[in-house]
Amino acid sequence: AICEAENGSFRFISDENSPETNIIVSMDQ
């Protein structure tokens, strides 16, 4: 859903960890 968005802004915040892991496939896949 994020990849399909048409407009928007982004920023990367370093060293902030996820509260959970919900994606386990490889980046390539």
PDB file of all heavy atoms in Angstrom:
ATOM      1  N   ALA A   1       0.836  -1.210   0.000  1.00  0.00           N
ATOM      2  CA  ALA A   1       0.000   0.000   0.000  1.00  0.00           C
ATOM      3  C   ALA A   1       0.864   1.251   0.000  1.00  0.00           C
ATOM      4  O   ALA A   1       0.543   2.253  -0.648  1.00  0.00           O
ATOM      5  CB  ALA A   1      -0.922  -0.010   1.219  1.00  0.00           C
ATOM      6  N   ILE A   2       1.966   1.206   0.722  1.00  0.00           N
ATOM      7  CA  ILE A   2       2.894   2.338   0.765  1.00  0.00           C
ATOM      8  C   ILE A   2       3.508   2.572  -0.612  1.00  0.00           C
ATOM      9  O   ILE A   2       3.600   3.703  -1.098  1.00  0.00           O
ATOM     10  CB  ILE A   2       3.991   2.079   1.816  1.00  0.00           C
ATOM     11  CG1 ILE A   2       3.394   2.099   3.228  1.00  0.00           C
ATOM     12  CG2 ILE A   2       5.116   3.115   1.714  1.00  0.00           C
ATOM     13  CD1 ILE A   2       4.316   1.564   4.306  1.00  0.00           C
ATOM     14  N   CYS A   3       3.921   1.491  -1.268  1.00  0.00           N
ATOM     15  CA  CYS A   3       4.549   1.605  -2.590  1.00  0.00           C
ATOM     16  C   CYS A   3       3.583   2.140  -3.646  1.00  0.00           C
ATOM     17  O   CYS A   3       4.011   2.759  -4.623  1.00  0.00           O
ATOM     18  CB  CYS A   3       5.089   0.244  -3.028  1.00  0.00           C
ATOM     19  SG  CYS A   3       6.502  -0.347  -2.083  1.00  0.00           S
ATOM     20  N   GLU A   4       2.286   1.902  -3.454  1.00  0.00           N
ATOM     21  CA  GLU A   4       1.287   2.313  -4.446  1.00  0.00           C
ATOM     22  C   GLU A   4       0.814   3.753  -4.258  1.00  0.00           C
ATOM     23  O   GLU A   4       0.054   4.268  -5.093  1.00  0.00           O
ATOM     24  CB  GLU A   4       0.082   1.369  -4.367  1.00  0.00           C
ATOM     25  CG  GLU A   4       0.409  -0.041  -4.855  1.00  0.00           C
ATOM     26  CD  GLU A   4      -0.543  -1.099  -4.316  1.00  0.00           C
ATOM     27  OE1 GLU A   4      -1.546  -0.708  -3.663  1.00  0.00           O
ATOM     28  OE2 GLU A   4      -0.294  -2.293  -4.513  1.00  0.00           O
ATOM     29  N   ALA A   5       1.252   4.418  -3.195  1.00  0.00           N
ATOM     30  CA  ALA A   5       0.824   5.797  -2.937  1.00  0.00           C
ATOM     31  C   ALA A   5       1.256   6.721  -4.076  1.00  0.00           C
ATOM     32  O   ALA A   5       2.319   6.546  -4.676  1.00  0.00           O
ATOM     33  CB  ALA A   5       1.391   6.281  -1.618  1.00  0.00           C
ATOM     34  N   GLU A   6       0.418   7.713  -4.356  1.00  0.00           N
ATOM     35  CA  GLU A   6       0.669   8.620  -5.486  1.00  0.00           C
ATOM     36  C   GLU A   6       1.466   9.849  -5.087  1.00  0.00           C
ATOM     37  O   GLU A   6       2.240  10.377  -5.881  1.00  0.00           O
ATOM     38  CB  GLU A   6      -0.679   9.066  -6.078  1.00  0.00           C
ATOM     39  CG  GLU A   6      -1.505   7.912  -6.624  1.00  0.00           C
ATOM     40  CD  GLU A   6      -2.954   8.289  -6.818  1.00  0.00           C
ATOM     41  OE1 GLU A   6      -3.373   9.339  -6.284  1.00  0.00           O
ATOM     42  OE2 GLU A   6      -3.680   7.535  -7.497  1.00  0.00           O
ATOM     43  N   ASN A   7       1.242  10.348  -3.881  1.00  0.00           N
ATOM     44  CA  ASN A   7       1.915  11.561  -3.416  1.00  0.00           C
ATOM     45  C   ASN A   7       2.364  11.368  -1.971  1.00  0.00           C
ATOM     46  O   ASN A   7       1.844  10.506  -1.263  1.00  0.00           O
ATOM     47  CB  ASN A   7       0.968  12.768  -3.472  1.00  0.00           C
ATOM     48  CG  ASN A   7       0.567  13.112  -4.881  1.00  0.00           C
ATOM     49  OD1 ASN A   7       1.380  13.549  -5.682  1.00  0.00           O
ATOM     50  ND2 ASN A   7      -0.704  12.910  -5.208  1.00  0.00           N
ATOM     51  N   GLY A   8       3.292  12.216  -1.547  1.00  0.00           N
ATOM     52  CA  GLY A   8       3.680  12.163  -0.143  1.00  0.00           C
ATOM     53  C   GLY A   8       5.133  12.540   0.085  1.00  0.00           C
ATOM     54  O   GLY A   8       5.918  12.714  -0.848  1.00  0.00           O
ATOM     55  N   SER A   9       5.460  12.655   1.348  1.00  0.00           N
ATOM     56  CA  SER A   9       6.817  12.995   1.754  1.00  0.00           C
ATOM     57  C   SER A   9       7.377  11.889   2.644  1.00  0.00           C
ATOM     58  O   SER A   9       6.632  11.053   3.172  1.00  0.00           O
ATOM     59  CB  SER A   9       6.831  14.324   2.512  1.00  0.00           C
ATOM     60  OG  SER A   9       6.032  14.241   3.683  1.00  0.00           O
ATOM     61  N   PHE A  10       8.686  11.887   2.809  1.00  0.00           N
ATOM     62  CA  PHE A  10       9.326  10.869   3.628  1.00  0.00           C
ATOM     63  C   PHE A  10      10.543  11.451   4.347  1.00  0.00           C
ATOM     64  O   PHE A  10      11.114  12.455   3.924  1.00  0.00           O
ATOM     65  CB  PHE A  10       9.771   9.683   2.759  1.00  0.00           C
ATOM     66  CG  PHE A  10      10.903  10.018   1.812  1.00  0.00           C
ATOM     67  CD1 PHE A  10      12.232   9.889   2.199  1.00  0.00           C
ATOM     68  CD2 PHE A  10      10.635  10.478   0.525  1.00  0.00           C
ATOM     69  CE1 PHE A  10      13.276  10.203   1.325  1.00  0.00           C
ATOM     70  CE2 PHE A  10      11.669  10.803  -0.351  1.00  0.00           C
ATOM     71  CZ  PHE A  10      12.983  10.657   0.055  1.00  0.00           C
ATOM     72  N   ARG A  11      10.916  10.812   5.442  1.00  0.00           N
ATOM     73  CA  ARG A  11      12.172  11.106   6.112  1.00  0.00           C
ATOM     74  C   ARG A  11      12.623   9.862   6.855  1.00  0.00           C
ATOM     75  O   ARG A  11      11.794   9.081   7.338  1.00  0.00           O
ATOM     76  CB  ARG A  11      12.060  12.288   7.077  1.00  0.00           C
ATOM     77  CG  ARG A  11      11.216  12.048   8.298  1.00  0.00           C
ATOM     78  CD  ARG A  11      11.058  13.336   9.107  1.00  0.00           C
ATOM     79  NE  ARG A  11      10.313  13.123  10.337  1.00  0.00           N
ATOM     80  CZ  ARG A  11      10.845  13.090  11.558  1.00  0.00           C
ATOM     81  NH1 ARG A  11      12.148  13.271  11.696  1.00  0.00           N
ATOM     82  NH2 ARG A  11      10.096  12.892  12.629  1.00  0.00           N
ATOM     83  N   PHE A  12      13.926   9.675   6.901  1.00  0.00           N
ATOM     84  CA  PHE A  12      14.479   8.501   7.556  1.00  0.00           C
ATOM     85  C   PHE A  12      15.023   8.894   8.923  1.00  0.00           C
ATOM     86  O   PHE A  12      15.793   9.841   9.058  1.00  0.00           O
ATOM     87  CB  PHE A  12      15.590   7.886   6.706  1.00  0.00           C
ATOM     88  CG  PHE A  12      16.116   6.591   7.249  1.00  0.00           C
ATOM     89  CD1 PHE A  12      15.406   5.412   7.068  1.00  0.00           C
ATOM     90  CD2 PHE A  12      17.305   6.538   7.957  1.00  0.00           C
ATOM     91  CE1 PHE A  12      15.872   4.217   7.575  1.00  0.00           C
ATOM     92  CE2 PHE A  12      17.789   5.350   8.466  1.00  0.00           C
ATOM     93  CZ  PHE A  12      17.077   4.180   8.276  1.00  0.00           C
ATOM     94  N   ILE A  13      14.588   8.150   9.951  1.00  0.00           N
ATOM     95  CA  ILE A  13      15.020   8.391  11.326  1.00  0.00           C
ATOM     96  C   ILE A  13      15.954   7.254  11.720  1.00  0.00           C
ATOM     97  O   ILE A  13      15.537   6.098  11.836  1.00  0.00           O
ATOM     98  CB  ILE A  13      13.814   8.454  12.279  1.00  0.00           C
ATOM     99  CG1 ILE A  13      12.815   9.504  11.796  1.00  0.00           C
ATOM    100  CG2 ILE A  13      14.280   8.758  13.698  1.00  0.00           C
ATOM    101  CD1 ILE A  13      11.502   9.497  12.557  1.00  0.00           C
ATOM    102  N   SER A  14      17.208   7.556  11.909  1.00  0.00           N
ATOM    103  CA  SER A  14      18.210   6.525  12.186  1.00  0.00           C
ATOM    104  C   SER A  14      18.038   5.897  13.562  1.00  0.00           C
ATOM    105  O   SER A  14      17.602   6.549  14.517  1.00  0.00           O
ATOM    106  CB  SER A  14      19.618   7.120  12.076  1.00  0.00           C
ATOM    107  OG  SER A  14      19.875   7.568  10.763  1.00  0.00           O
ATOM    108  N   ASP A  15      18.383   4.614  13.630  1.00  0.00           N
ATOM    109  CA  ASP A  15      18.474   3.855  14.889  1.00  0.00           C
ATOM    110  C   ASP A  15      17.155   3.773  15.663  1.00  0.00           C
ATOM    111  O   ASP A  15      17.170   3.627  16.885  1.00  0.00           O
ATOM    112  CB  ASP A  15      19.569   4.443  15.786  1.00  0.00           C
ATOM    113  CG  ASP A  15      20.930   4.426  15.116  1.00  0.00           C
ATOM    114  OD1 ASP A  15      21.227   3.424  14.438  1.00  0.00           O
ATOM    115  OD2 ASP A  15      21.673   5.406  15.235  1.00  0.00           O
ATOM    116  N   GLU A  16      16.026   3.859  14.959  1.00  0.00           N
ATOM    117  CA  GLU A  16      14.738   3.646  15.613  1.00  0.00           C
ATOM    118  C   GLU A  16      14.243   2.247  15.246  1.00  0.00           C
ATOM    119  O   GLU A  16      14.103   1.919  14.079  1.00  0.00           O
ATOM    120  CB  GLU A  16      13.718   4.703  15.197  1.00  0.00           C
ATOM    121  CG  GLU A  16      12.418   4.599  15.976  1.00  0.00           C
ATOM    122  CD  GLU A  16      11.549   5.839  15.852  1.00  0.00           C
ATOM    123  OE1 GLU A  16      12.102   6.931  15.581  1.00  0.00           O
ATOM    124  OE2 GLU A  16      10.324   5.720  16.021  1.00  0.00           O
ATOM    125  N   ASN A  17      13.991   1.431  16.260  1.00  0.00           N
ATOM    126  CA  ASN A  17      13.653   0.028  16.045  1.00  0.00           C
ATOM    127  C   ASN A  17      12.150  -0.206  16.011  1.00  0.00           C
ATOM    128  O   ASN A  17      11.375   0.508  16.648  1.00  0.00           O
ATOM    129  CB  ASN A  17      14.283  -0.840  17.132  1.00  0.00           C
ATOM    130  CG  ASN A  17      15.799  -0.794  17.100  1.00  0.00           C
ATOM    131  OD1 ASN A  17      16.404  -0.817  16.029  1.00  0.00           O
ATOM    132  ND2 ASN A  17      16.426  -0.713  18.264  1.00  0.00           N
ATOM    133  N   SER A  18      11.756  -1.250  15.292  1.00  0.00           N
ATOM    134  CA  SER A  18      10.345  -1.614  15.178  1.00  0.00           C
ATOM    135  C   SER A  18       9.858  -2.304  16.452  1.00  0.00           C
ATOM    136  O   SER A  18      10.603  -3.066  17.070  1.00  0.00           O
ATOM    137  CB  SER A  18      10.145  -2.550  13.988  1.00  0.00           C
ATOM    138  OG  SER A  18       8.847  -3.079  13.981  1.00  0.00           O
ATOM    139  N   PRO A  19       8.585  -2.066  16.826  1.00  0.00           N
ATOM    140  CA  PRO A  19       8.033  -2.761  17.989  1.00  0.00           C
ATOM    141  C   PRO A  19       7.795  -4.244  17.728  1.00  0.00           C
ATOM    142  O   PRO A  19       7.608  -5.025  18.651  1.00  0.00           O
ATOM    143  CB  PRO A  19       6.704  -2.031  18.228  1.00  0.00           C
ATOM    144  CG  PRO A  19       6.334  -1.472  16.888  1.00  0.00           C
ATOM    145  CD  PRO A  19       7.640  -1.100  16.253  1.00  0.00           C
ATOM    146  N   GLU A  20       7.797  -4.635  16.444  1.00  0.00           N
ATOM    147  CA  GLU A  20       7.590  -6.040  16.084  1.00  0.00           C
ATOM    148  C   GLU A  20       8.192  -6.300  14.718  1.00  0.00           C
ATOM    149  O   GLU A  20       8.522  -5.380  13.970  1.00  0.00           O
ATOM    150  CB  GLU A  20       6.100  -6.385  16.056  1.00  0.00           C
ATOM    151  CG  GLU A  20       5.330  -5.623  14.989  1.00  0.00           C
ATOM    152  CD  GLU A  20       3.859  -6.012  14.926  1.00  0.00           C
ATOM    153  OE1 GLU A  20       3.090  -5.502  15.758  1.00  0.00           O
ATOM    154  OE2 GLU A  20       3.505  -6.831  14.054  1.00  0.00           O
ATOM    155  N   THR A  21       8.356  -7.581  14.395  1.00  0.00           N
ATOM    156  CA  THR A  21       8.816  -7.980  13.075  1.00  0.00           C
ATOM    157  C   THR A  21       7.641  -8.630  12.344  1.00  0.00           C
ATOM    158  O   THR A  21       7.114  -9.647  12.796  1.00  0.00           O
ATOM    159  CB  THR A  21       9.988  -8.984  13.171  1.00  0.00           C
ATOM    160  OG1 THR A  21      11.092  -8.351  13.816  1.00  0.00           O
ATOM    161  CG2 THR A  21      10.412  -9.450  11.780  1.00  0.00           C
ATOM    162  N   ASN A  22       7.209  -8.028  11.235  1.00  0.00           N
ATOM    163  CA  ASN A  22       6.085  -8.598  10.490  1.00  0.00           C
ATOM    164  C   ASN A  22       6.405  -8.843   9.023  1.00  0.00           C
ATOM    165  O   ASN A  22       5.522  -9.200   8.237  1.00  0.00           O
ATOM    166  CB  ASN A  22       4.832  -7.730  10.641  1.00  0.00           C
ATOM    167  CG  ASN A  22       5.044  -6.284  10.229  1.00  0.00           C
ATOM    168  OD1 ASN A  22       5.755  -6.004   9.274  1.00  0.00           O
ATOM    169  ND2 ASN A  22       4.420  -5.355  10.952  1.00  0.00           N
ATOM    170  N   ILE A  23       7.681  -8.654   8.634  1.00  0.00           N
ATOM    171  CA  ILE A  23       8.127  -8.988   7.283  1.00  0.00           C
ATOM    172  C   ILE A  23       9.386  -9.833   7.412  1.00  0.00           C
ATOM    173  O   ILE A  23      10.380  -9.392   7.995  1.00  0.00           O
ATOM    174  CB  ILE A  23       8.420  -7.718   6.453  1.00  0.00           C
ATOM    175  CG1 ILE A  23       7.129  -6.945   6.196  1.00  0.00           C
ATOM    176  CG2 ILE A  23       9.081  -8.090   5.125  1.00  0.00           C
ATOM    177  CD1 ILE A  23       7.298  -5.686   5.381  1.00  0.00           C
ATOM    178  N   ILE A  24       9.342 -11.047   6.873  1.00  0.00           N
ATOM    179  CA  ILE A  24      10.482 -11.955   7.032  1.00  0.00           C
ATOM    180  C   ILE A  24      11.055 -12.416   5.692  1.00  0.00           C
ATOM    181  O   ILE A  24      11.981 -13.201   5.660  1.00  0.00           O
ATOM    182  CB  ILE A  24      10.087 -13.183   7.879  1.00  0.00           C
ATOM    183  CG1 ILE A  24       8.904 -13.915   7.258  1.00  0.00           C
ATOM    184  CG2 ILE A  24       9.790 -12.785   9.316  1.00  0.00           C
ATOM    185  CD1 ILE A  24       8.530 -15.207   7.964  1.00  0.00           C
ATOM    186  N   VAL A  25      10.515 -11.926   4.580  1.00  0.00           N
ATOM    187  CA  VAL A  25      11.044 -12.309   3.266  1.00  0.00           C
ATOM    188  C   VAL A  25      12.273 -11.481   2.943  1.00  0.00           C
ATOM    189  O   VAL A  25      12.525 -10.432   3.542  1.00  0.00           O
ATOM    190  CB  VAL A  25       9.973 -12.135   2.166  1.00  0.00           C
ATOM    191  CG1 VAL A  25       8.764 -12.989   2.451  1.00  0.00           C
ATOM    192  CG2 VAL A  25       9.575 -10.671   2.037  1.00  0.00           C
ATOM    193  N   SER A  26      13.055 -11.946   1.984  1.00  0.00           N
ATOM    194  CA  SER A  26      14.266 -11.226   1.588  1.00  0.00           C
ATOM    195  C   SER A  26      13.913  -9.929   0.869  1.00  0.00           C
ATOM    196  O   SER A  26      12.823  -9.786   0.312  1.00  0.00           O
ATOM    197  CB  SER A  26      15.115 -12.103   0.671  1.00  0.00           C
ATOM    198  OG  SER A  26      14.455 -12.295  -0.580  1.00  0.00           O
ATOM    199  N   MET A  27      14.852  -8.997   0.870  1.00  0.00           N
ATOM    200  CA  MET A  27      14.623  -7.722   0.181  1.00  0.00           C
ATOM    201  C   MET A  27      14.422  -7.938  -1.310  1.00  0.00           C
ATOM    202  O   MET A  27      13.568  -7.300  -1.928  1.00  0.00           O
ATOM    203  CB  MET A  27      15.807  -6.778   0.422  1.00  0.00           C
ATOM    204  CG  MET A  27      15.791  -6.083   1.763  1.00  0.00           C
ATOM    205  SD  MET A  27      14.456  -4.850   1.888  1.00  0.00           S
ATOM    206  CE  MET A  27      15.115  -3.529   0.857  1.00  0.00           C
ATOM    207  N   ASP A  28      15.200  -8.827  -1.907  1.00  0.00           N
ATOM    208  CA  ASP A  28      15.046  -9.109  -3.337  1.00  0.00           C
ATOM    209  C   ASP A  28      13.611  -9.528  -3.650  1.00  0.00           C
ATOM    210  O   ASP A  28      12.981  -9.006  -4.568  1.00  0.00           O
ATOM    211  CB  ASP A  28      16.005 -10.224  -3.764  1.00  0.00           C
ATOM    212  CG  ASP A  28      17.427  -9.727  -3.941  1.00  0.00           C
ATOM    213  OD1 ASP A  28      17.599  -8.540  -4.257  1.00  0.00           O
ATOM    214  OD2 ASP A  28      18.352 -10.527  -3.784  1.00  0.00           O
ATOM    215  N   GLN A  29      13.113 -10.476  -2.870  1.00  0.00           N
ATOM    216  CA  GLN A  29      11.766 -11.003  -3.112  1.00  0.00           C
ATOM    217  C   GLN A  29      10.706  -9.942  -2.856  1.00  0.00           C
ATOM    218  O   GLN A  29       9.754  -9.801  -3.628  1.00  0.00           O
ATOM    219  CB  GLN A  29      11.522 -12.216  -2.215  1.00  0.00           C
ATOM    220  CG  GLN A  29      10.148 -12.852  -2.407  1.00  0.00           C
ATOM    221  CD  GLN A  29       9.920 -14.036  -1.490  1.00  0.00           C
ATOM    222  OE1 GLN A  29      10.872 -14.609  -0.960  1.00  0.00           O
ATOM    223  NE2 GLN A  29       8.667 -14.405  -1.291  1.00  0.00           N
TER     224      GLN A  29
END
